[in-house]
N, C-alpha and C. Protein backbone atom coordinates (compact mmCIF):
# COMPACT_ATOMS: atom_id res chain seq x y z
N MET A 1 12.09 -34.76 -35.28
CA MET A 1 13.28 -35.47 -34.84
C MET A 1 14.45 -35.16 -35.77
N LYS A 2 14.15 -35.01 -37.09
CA LYS A 2 15.22 -34.70 -38.04
C LYS A 2 15.86 -33.36 -37.73
N THR A 3 15.05 -32.42 -37.28
CA THR A 3 15.57 -31.10 -36.93
C THR A 3 16.57 -31.23 -35.79
N LEU A 4 16.22 -32.04 -34.79
CA LEU A 4 17.13 -32.24 -33.66
C LEU A 4 18.41 -32.93 -34.12
N ASP A 5 18.29 -33.91 -35.01
CA ASP A 5 19.49 -34.59 -35.54
C ASP A 5 20.40 -33.59 -36.25
N THR A 6 19.80 -32.71 -37.04
CA THR A 6 20.59 -31.69 -37.76
C THR A 6 21.27 -30.75 -36.78
N LEU A 7 20.54 -30.30 -35.77
CA LEU A 7 21.11 -29.40 -34.77
C LEU A 7 22.23 -30.09 -33.99
N ILE A 8 22.04 -31.35 -33.68
CA ILE A 8 23.08 -32.10 -32.96
C ILE A 8 24.34 -32.21 -33.81
N ARG A 9 24.17 -32.56 -35.09
CA ARG A 9 25.34 -32.65 -35.99
C ARG A 9 26.06 -31.31 -36.09
N LEU A 10 25.29 -30.24 -36.23
CA LEU A 10 25.86 -28.90 -36.34
C LEU A 10 26.66 -28.55 -35.08
N HIS A 11 26.08 -28.81 -33.93
CA HIS A 11 26.77 -28.47 -32.68
C HIS A 11 27.98 -29.38 -32.43
N LYS A 12 27.91 -30.63 -32.87
CA LYS A 12 29.08 -31.51 -32.76
C LYS A 12 30.22 -30.99 -33.62
N ARG A 13 29.87 -30.54 -34.83
CA ARG A 13 30.89 -29.98 -35.71
C ARG A 13 31.52 -28.74 -35.09
N THR A 14 30.68 -27.89 -34.53
CA THR A 14 31.18 -26.67 -33.88
C THR A 14 32.10 -27.04 -32.73
N LEU A 15 31.66 -27.98 -31.91
CA LEU A 15 32.46 -28.41 -30.76
C LEU A 15 33.79 -29.02 -31.21
N ASP A 16 33.75 -29.83 -32.26
CA ASP A 16 34.99 -30.42 -32.80
C ASP A 16 35.95 -29.34 -33.27
N GLY A 17 35.41 -28.31 -33.94
CA GLY A 17 36.26 -27.20 -34.40
C GLY A 17 36.90 -26.46 -33.23
N LEU A 18 36.13 -26.24 -32.19
CA LEU A 18 36.68 -25.57 -31.00
C LEU A 18 37.76 -26.43 -30.34
N ARG A 19 37.52 -27.72 -30.30
CA ARG A 19 38.52 -28.62 -29.70
C ARG A 19 39.80 -28.66 -30.54
N ARG A 20 39.65 -28.60 -31.88
CA ARG A 20 40.84 -28.56 -32.74
C ARG A 20 41.64 -27.29 -32.46
N ARG A 21 40.92 -26.16 -32.35
CA ARG A 21 41.61 -24.90 -32.04
C ARG A 21 42.32 -25.00 -30.71
N MET A 22 41.70 -25.66 -29.72
CA MET A 22 42.33 -25.83 -28.41
C MET A 22 43.62 -26.64 -28.56
N GLY A 23 43.57 -27.68 -29.35
CA GLY A 23 44.76 -28.50 -29.58
C GLY A 23 45.88 -27.69 -30.22
N GLU A 24 45.51 -26.83 -31.16
CA GLU A 24 46.51 -25.98 -31.82
C GLU A 24 47.15 -25.03 -30.81
N LEU A 25 46.31 -24.42 -29.96
CA LEU A 25 46.85 -23.50 -28.96
C LEU A 25 47.75 -24.22 -27.96
N GLU A 26 47.34 -25.39 -27.54
CA GLU A 26 48.17 -26.16 -26.60
C GLU A 26 49.48 -26.57 -27.25
N ASN A 27 49.43 -26.88 -28.55
CA ASN A 27 50.64 -27.23 -29.28
C ASN A 27 51.58 -26.02 -29.37
N GLN A 28 51.01 -24.85 -29.66
CA GLN A 28 51.82 -23.62 -29.71
C GLN A 28 52.47 -23.36 -28.36
N LYS A 29 51.70 -23.52 -27.30
CA LYS A 29 52.23 -23.30 -25.95
C LYS A 29 53.39 -24.26 -25.67
N ALA A 30 53.21 -25.53 -26.03
CA ALA A 30 54.26 -26.52 -25.80
C ALA A 30 55.53 -26.16 -26.59
N GLN A 31 55.35 -25.68 -27.82
CA GLN A 31 56.51 -25.29 -28.62
C GLN A 31 57.24 -24.11 -27.99
N LEU A 32 56.48 -23.15 -27.49
CA LEU A 32 57.09 -21.99 -26.85
C LEU A 32 57.82 -22.40 -25.56
N GLN A 33 57.22 -23.31 -24.80
CA GLN A 33 57.88 -23.77 -23.59
C GLN A 33 59.17 -24.51 -23.94
N GLN A 34 59.15 -25.25 -25.03
CA GLN A 34 60.36 -25.94 -25.47
C GLN A 34 61.40 -24.93 -25.93
N ALA A 35 60.97 -23.85 -26.56
CA ALA A 35 61.91 -22.81 -27.00
C ALA A 35 62.60 -22.18 -25.79
N ILE A 36 61.85 -21.96 -24.71
CA ILE A 36 62.46 -21.41 -23.49
C ILE A 36 63.51 -22.38 -22.96
N LYS A 37 63.19 -23.67 -22.95
CA LYS A 37 64.15 -24.68 -22.47
C LYS A 37 65.39 -24.70 -23.36
N ASN A 38 65.16 -24.62 -24.68
CA ASN A 38 66.30 -24.62 -25.61
C ASN A 38 67.20 -23.42 -25.39
N LEU A 39 66.58 -22.26 -25.17
CA LEU A 39 67.38 -21.06 -24.90
C LEU A 39 68.17 -21.21 -23.60
N GLN A 40 67.56 -21.84 -22.61
CA GLN A 40 68.26 -22.05 -21.34
C GLN A 40 69.43 -23.00 -21.52
N ILE A 41 69.23 -24.04 -22.33
CA ILE A 41 70.32 -24.97 -22.62
C ILE A 41 71.45 -24.25 -23.35
N GLU A 42 71.08 -23.41 -24.31
CA GLU A 42 72.09 -22.63 -25.05
C GLU A 42 72.85 -21.72 -24.10
N LEU A 43 72.12 -21.07 -23.19
CA LEU A 43 72.75 -20.18 -22.21
C LEU A 43 73.69 -20.97 -21.31
N ASP A 44 73.27 -22.13 -20.85
CA ASP A 44 74.12 -22.96 -19.99
C ASP A 44 75.39 -23.39 -20.73
N ASN A 45 75.24 -23.75 -22.00
CA ASN A 45 76.41 -24.14 -22.80
C ASN A 45 77.38 -22.97 -22.96
N GLU A 46 76.83 -21.78 -23.17
CA GLU A 46 77.69 -20.60 -23.31
C GLU A 46 78.39 -20.25 -21.99
N VAL A 47 77.71 -20.48 -20.88
CA VAL A 47 78.35 -20.25 -19.56
C VAL A 47 79.56 -21.16 -19.43
N LYS A 48 79.40 -22.42 -19.81
CA LYS A 48 80.51 -23.37 -19.73
C LYS A 48 81.65 -22.96 -20.67
N LEU A 49 81.27 -22.52 -21.86
CA LEU A 49 82.27 -22.10 -22.84
C LEU A 49 83.01 -20.85 -22.35
N ALA A 50 82.28 -19.89 -21.78
CA ALA A 50 82.90 -18.66 -21.28
C ALA A 50 83.82 -18.96 -20.11
N ALA A 51 83.50 -19.96 -19.32
CA ALA A 51 84.37 -20.33 -18.20
C ALA A 51 85.68 -20.93 -18.70
N LYS A 52 85.63 -21.62 -19.83
CA LYS A 52 86.83 -22.24 -20.39
C LYS A 52 87.68 -21.24 -21.17
N GLN A 53 87.02 -20.24 -21.76
CA GLN A 53 87.73 -19.27 -22.60
C GLN A 53 87.49 -17.86 -22.05
N PRO A 54 88.39 -17.36 -21.26
CA PRO A 54 88.20 -16.04 -20.62
C PRO A 54 88.02 -14.90 -21.63
N GLU A 55 88.59 -15.00 -22.82
CA GLU A 55 88.44 -13.93 -23.81
C GLU A 55 87.00 -13.81 -24.30
N MET A 56 86.20 -14.88 -24.16
CA MET A 56 84.79 -14.87 -24.56
C MET A 56 83.90 -14.25 -23.48
N ALA A 57 84.42 -14.11 -22.29
CA ALA A 57 83.63 -13.59 -21.16
C ALA A 57 83.14 -12.18 -21.44
N ASN A 58 83.91 -11.38 -22.19
CA ASN A 58 83.50 -10.00 -22.50
C ASN A 58 82.19 -9.96 -23.30
N PHE A 59 82.00 -10.94 -24.15
CA PHE A 59 80.80 -10.98 -24.99
C PHE A 59 79.62 -11.68 -24.30
N PHE A 60 79.94 -12.45 -23.30
CA PHE A 60 78.92 -13.28 -22.66
C PHE A 60 77.81 -12.47 -22.01
N GLY A 61 78.14 -11.37 -21.36
CA GLY A 61 77.13 -10.58 -20.65
C GLY A 61 76.02 -10.12 -21.56
N GLU A 62 76.36 -9.60 -22.71
CA GLU A 62 75.35 -9.13 -23.67
C GLU A 62 74.54 -10.30 -24.23
N PHE A 63 75.23 -11.39 -24.49
CA PHE A 63 74.54 -12.58 -24.99
C PHE A 63 73.52 -13.08 -23.97
N ALA A 64 73.92 -13.16 -22.73
CA ALA A 64 73.03 -13.64 -21.66
C ALA A 64 71.83 -12.71 -21.52
N LYS A 65 72.08 -11.42 -21.66
CA LYS A 65 70.99 -10.45 -21.55
C LYS A 65 69.96 -10.65 -22.67
N ARG A 66 70.45 -10.86 -23.90
CA ARG A 66 69.56 -11.09 -25.03
C ARG A 66 68.75 -12.38 -24.84
N ILE A 67 69.39 -13.41 -24.34
CA ILE A 67 68.70 -14.68 -24.09
C ILE A 67 67.59 -14.48 -23.06
N LYS A 68 67.88 -13.78 -21.98
CA LYS A 68 66.89 -13.53 -20.92
C LYS A 68 65.71 -12.71 -21.48
N ILE A 69 66.00 -11.71 -22.29
CA ILE A 69 64.94 -10.89 -22.89
C ILE A 69 64.07 -11.76 -23.80
N ARG A 70 64.72 -12.61 -24.58
CA ARG A 70 63.98 -13.51 -25.48
C ARG A 70 63.09 -14.46 -24.67
N GLN A 71 63.62 -14.98 -23.57
CA GLN A 71 62.83 -15.87 -22.72
C GLN A 71 61.63 -15.13 -22.13
N GLU A 72 61.83 -13.90 -21.73
CA GLU A 72 60.73 -13.10 -21.18
C GLU A 72 59.67 -12.84 -22.25
N ASN A 73 60.11 -12.54 -23.46
CA ASN A 73 59.16 -12.33 -24.56
C ASN A 73 58.34 -13.60 -24.85
N ILE A 74 59.02 -14.72 -24.84
CA ILE A 74 58.32 -15.98 -25.07
C ILE A 74 57.35 -16.24 -23.93
N GLN A 75 57.77 -15.94 -22.70
CA GLN A 75 56.89 -16.13 -21.55
C GLN A 75 55.64 -15.26 -21.69
N HIS A 76 55.81 -14.06 -22.22
CA HIS A 76 54.68 -13.17 -22.47
C HIS A 76 53.74 -13.78 -23.51
N GLU A 77 54.32 -14.36 -24.57
CA GLU A 77 53.51 -15.03 -25.59
C GLU A 77 52.73 -16.19 -24.98
N ILE A 78 53.36 -16.93 -24.06
CA ILE A 78 52.69 -18.04 -23.39
C ILE A 78 51.52 -17.50 -22.57
N GLY A 79 51.72 -16.37 -21.90
CA GLY A 79 50.63 -15.76 -21.15
C GLY A 79 49.44 -15.40 -22.04
N THR A 80 49.75 -14.87 -23.22
CA THR A 80 48.70 -14.54 -24.19
C THR A 80 47.95 -15.80 -24.62
N ILE A 81 48.70 -16.86 -24.88
CA ILE A 81 48.07 -18.13 -25.28
C ILE A 81 47.23 -18.69 -24.14
N ASP A 82 47.73 -18.57 -22.90
CA ASP A 82 46.95 -19.04 -21.74
C ASP A 82 45.61 -18.31 -21.66
N HIS A 83 45.64 -17.02 -21.95
CA HIS A 83 44.40 -16.23 -21.94
C HIS A 83 43.45 -16.74 -23.04
N LYS A 84 44.00 -16.99 -24.22
CA LYS A 84 43.18 -17.51 -25.33
C LYS A 84 42.61 -18.88 -24.97
N ILE A 85 43.41 -19.71 -24.31
CA ILE A 85 42.95 -21.04 -23.90
C ILE A 85 41.80 -20.92 -22.91
N ALA A 86 41.91 -20.00 -21.96
CA ALA A 86 40.84 -19.81 -20.98
C ALA A 86 39.55 -19.38 -21.66
N GLU A 87 39.65 -18.46 -22.61
CA GLU A 87 38.47 -18.01 -23.35
C GLU A 87 37.87 -19.15 -24.18
N LEU A 88 38.74 -19.92 -24.80
CA LEU A 88 38.29 -21.03 -25.62
C LEU A 88 37.63 -22.11 -24.75
N ASN A 89 38.15 -22.31 -23.54
CA ASN A 89 37.52 -23.26 -22.62
C ASN A 89 36.08 -22.86 -22.33
N LYS A 90 35.85 -21.57 -22.16
CA LYS A 90 34.49 -21.08 -21.93
C LYS A 90 33.61 -21.38 -23.14
N GLU A 91 34.13 -21.11 -24.33
CA GLU A 91 33.37 -21.38 -25.56
C GLU A 91 33.05 -22.87 -25.69
N ILE A 92 34.04 -23.70 -25.39
CA ILE A 92 33.84 -25.15 -25.47
C ILE A 92 32.76 -25.58 -24.49
N PHE A 93 32.80 -25.04 -23.27
CA PHE A 93 31.80 -25.39 -22.27
C PHE A 93 30.40 -25.00 -22.74
N GLU A 94 30.28 -23.80 -23.30
CA GLU A 94 28.98 -23.34 -23.79
C GLU A 94 28.49 -24.21 -24.95
N ALA A 95 29.39 -24.54 -25.87
CA ALA A 95 29.02 -25.36 -27.02
C ALA A 95 28.61 -26.77 -26.54
N PHE A 96 29.34 -27.31 -25.58
CA PHE A 96 29.02 -28.63 -25.04
C PHE A 96 27.66 -28.61 -24.35
N THR A 97 27.39 -27.53 -23.61
CA THR A 97 26.10 -27.40 -22.93
C THR A 97 24.96 -27.36 -23.94
N GLU A 98 25.14 -26.59 -25.02
CA GLU A 98 24.11 -26.53 -26.06
C GLU A 98 23.90 -27.90 -26.70
N LEU A 99 24.99 -28.58 -27.00
CA LEU A 99 24.90 -29.91 -27.60
C LEU A 99 24.11 -30.85 -26.69
N LYS A 100 24.42 -30.83 -25.41
CA LYS A 100 23.73 -31.71 -24.46
C LYS A 100 22.24 -31.38 -24.39
N LYS A 101 21.88 -30.09 -24.48
CA LYS A 101 20.46 -29.71 -24.47
C LYS A 101 19.73 -30.39 -25.62
N TYR A 102 20.33 -30.35 -26.81
CA TYR A 102 19.68 -30.96 -27.97
C TYR A 102 19.65 -32.48 -27.87
N GLU A 103 20.73 -33.07 -27.35
CA GLU A 103 20.73 -34.52 -27.19
C GLU A 103 19.67 -34.97 -26.17
N ILE A 104 19.52 -34.20 -25.10
CA ILE A 104 18.50 -34.52 -24.10
C ILE A 104 17.10 -34.34 -24.70
N ALA A 105 16.91 -33.27 -25.46
CA ALA A 105 15.62 -33.04 -26.11
C ALA A 105 15.29 -34.19 -27.06
N LYS A 106 16.29 -34.68 -27.80
CA LYS A 106 16.07 -35.80 -28.71
C LYS A 106 15.69 -37.05 -27.93
N GLU A 107 16.40 -37.31 -26.86
CA GLU A 107 16.09 -38.48 -26.03
C GLU A 107 14.69 -38.38 -25.44
N ASN A 108 14.33 -37.20 -24.96
CA ASN A 108 12.98 -36.99 -24.42
C ASN A 108 11.91 -37.20 -25.50
N ALA A 109 12.18 -36.75 -26.73
CA ALA A 109 11.23 -36.95 -27.83
C ALA A 109 11.07 -38.43 -28.13
N LYS A 110 12.19 -39.18 -28.08
CA LYS A 110 12.12 -40.62 -28.30
C LYS A 110 11.26 -41.28 -27.21
N ILE A 111 11.46 -40.86 -25.97
CA ILE A 111 10.70 -41.43 -24.86
C ILE A 111 9.21 -41.12 -25.02
N ARG A 112 8.89 -39.87 -25.38
CA ARG A 112 7.49 -39.50 -25.59
C ARG A 112 6.86 -40.31 -26.72
N ALA A 113 7.60 -40.48 -27.81
CA ALA A 113 7.09 -41.26 -28.95
C ALA A 113 6.87 -42.71 -28.55
N ARG A 114 7.81 -43.28 -27.81
CA ARG A 114 7.68 -44.67 -27.35
C ARG A 114 6.48 -44.82 -26.41
N ASP A 115 6.35 -43.85 -25.48
CA ASP A 115 5.21 -43.89 -24.55
C ASP A 115 3.88 -43.76 -25.29
N ALA A 116 3.83 -42.89 -26.29
CA ALA A 116 2.60 -42.73 -27.09
C ALA A 116 2.28 -44.01 -27.83
N ALA A 117 3.29 -44.64 -28.39
CA ALA A 117 3.08 -45.91 -29.11
C ALA A 117 2.60 -46.98 -28.14
N ASN A 118 3.18 -47.02 -26.95
CA ASN A 118 2.76 -48.01 -25.94
C ASN A 118 1.30 -47.77 -25.53
N ARG A 119 0.93 -46.50 -25.32
CA ARG A 119 -0.46 -46.17 -24.96
C ARG A 119 -1.42 -46.59 -26.07
N LYS A 120 -1.02 -46.31 -27.31
CA LYS A 120 -1.86 -46.66 -28.44
C LYS A 120 -2.03 -48.18 -28.52
N GLU A 121 -0.94 -48.91 -28.33
CA GLU A 121 -0.99 -50.37 -28.36
C GLU A 121 -1.86 -50.89 -27.22
N THR A 122 -1.71 -50.31 -26.04
CA THR A 122 -2.52 -50.72 -24.89
C THR A 122 -4.00 -50.48 -25.16
N LEU A 123 -4.34 -49.32 -25.71
CA LEU A 123 -5.74 -49.02 -26.03
C LEU A 123 -6.29 -50.00 -27.06
N MET A 124 -5.46 -50.33 -28.04
CA MET A 124 -5.89 -51.25 -29.08
C MET A 124 -6.12 -52.65 -28.47
N LEU A 125 -5.19 -53.10 -27.62
CA LEU A 125 -5.33 -54.41 -26.98
C LEU A 125 -6.54 -54.42 -26.04
N ASP A 126 -6.76 -53.32 -25.34
CA ASP A 126 -7.93 -53.22 -24.47
C ASP A 126 -9.22 -53.31 -25.29
N GLU A 127 -9.24 -52.65 -26.43
CA GLU A 127 -10.42 -52.68 -27.30
C GLU A 127 -10.68 -54.10 -27.79
N ILE A 128 -9.61 -54.80 -28.19
CA ILE A 128 -9.74 -56.18 -28.66
C ILE A 128 -10.26 -57.06 -27.53
N ALA A 129 -9.70 -56.88 -26.34
CA ALA A 129 -10.15 -57.68 -25.19
C ALA A 129 -11.61 -57.40 -24.86
N THR A 130 -12.03 -56.14 -24.95
CA THR A 130 -13.42 -55.77 -24.68
C THR A 130 -14.35 -56.42 -25.70
N GLN A 131 -13.97 -56.37 -26.97
CA GLN A 131 -14.78 -56.97 -28.02
C GLN A 131 -14.89 -58.48 -27.82
N GLN A 132 -13.78 -59.14 -27.46
CA GLN A 132 -13.81 -60.58 -27.22
C GLN A 132 -14.71 -60.90 -26.03
N PHE A 133 -14.61 -60.09 -25.00
CA PHE A 133 -15.44 -60.29 -23.81
C PHE A 133 -16.92 -60.15 -24.16
N GLN A 134 -17.23 -59.13 -24.96
CA GLN A 134 -18.63 -58.91 -25.35
C GLN A 134 -19.15 -60.07 -26.21
N ARG A 135 -18.33 -60.59 -27.11
CA ARG A 135 -18.73 -61.72 -27.95
C ARG A 135 -19.01 -62.96 -27.09
N LYS A 136 -18.10 -63.19 -26.12
CA LYS A 136 -18.29 -64.35 -25.25
C LYS A 136 -19.57 -64.19 -24.45
N ASN A 137 -19.84 -62.99 -23.97
CA ASN A 137 -21.08 -62.75 -23.21
C ASN A 137 -22.29 -62.99 -24.09
N LYS A 138 -22.25 -62.54 -25.33
CA LYS A 138 -23.38 -62.73 -26.26
C LYS A 138 -23.57 -64.22 -26.54
N GLU A 139 -22.45 -64.91 -26.75
CA GLU A 139 -22.52 -66.35 -27.01
C GLU A 139 -23.08 -67.09 -25.81
N ASN A 140 -22.64 -66.70 -24.62
CA ASN A 140 -23.09 -67.36 -23.39
C ASN A 140 -24.55 -67.03 -23.11
N SER A 141 -25.00 -65.80 -23.38
CA SER A 141 -26.39 -65.46 -23.14
C SER A 141 -27.29 -66.04 -24.22
N GLY A 142 -26.77 -66.29 -25.38
CA GLY A 142 -27.54 -66.87 -26.46
C GLY A 142 -27.76 -68.35 -26.26
N GLN A 143 -27.06 -69.00 -25.43
CA GLN A 143 -27.20 -70.43 -25.24
C GLN A 143 -28.26 -70.75 -24.31
């Protein structure tokens, strides 16, 4: 049983580590998505500014192009993170499955031990009852 407890602790630790990594990846993804939103806000502000100041319009086209390229690059990074998340989900599922196997094995071992103890107790009680019955029979036949 101690071996199963050790294996369960080990697999829980592994699963916790995988879940922490998943949280980190999801956090990175959220930060990148926020960066895209911030760039869009910056672009929108520059559009408003360029509309108010026609002399700035000459520079706006290049600025907008750089912003769009940056957004595309960030979107590519998000795609990479999504791929890592999908792979990590598979690892988490496998680790969870292994953990459950050991937990079920431990539970089954507990049930077997309890059943064996119950059988032993039943046999012992049956033996006591048989001995008492035999004594009563001897006492009754001796009278």
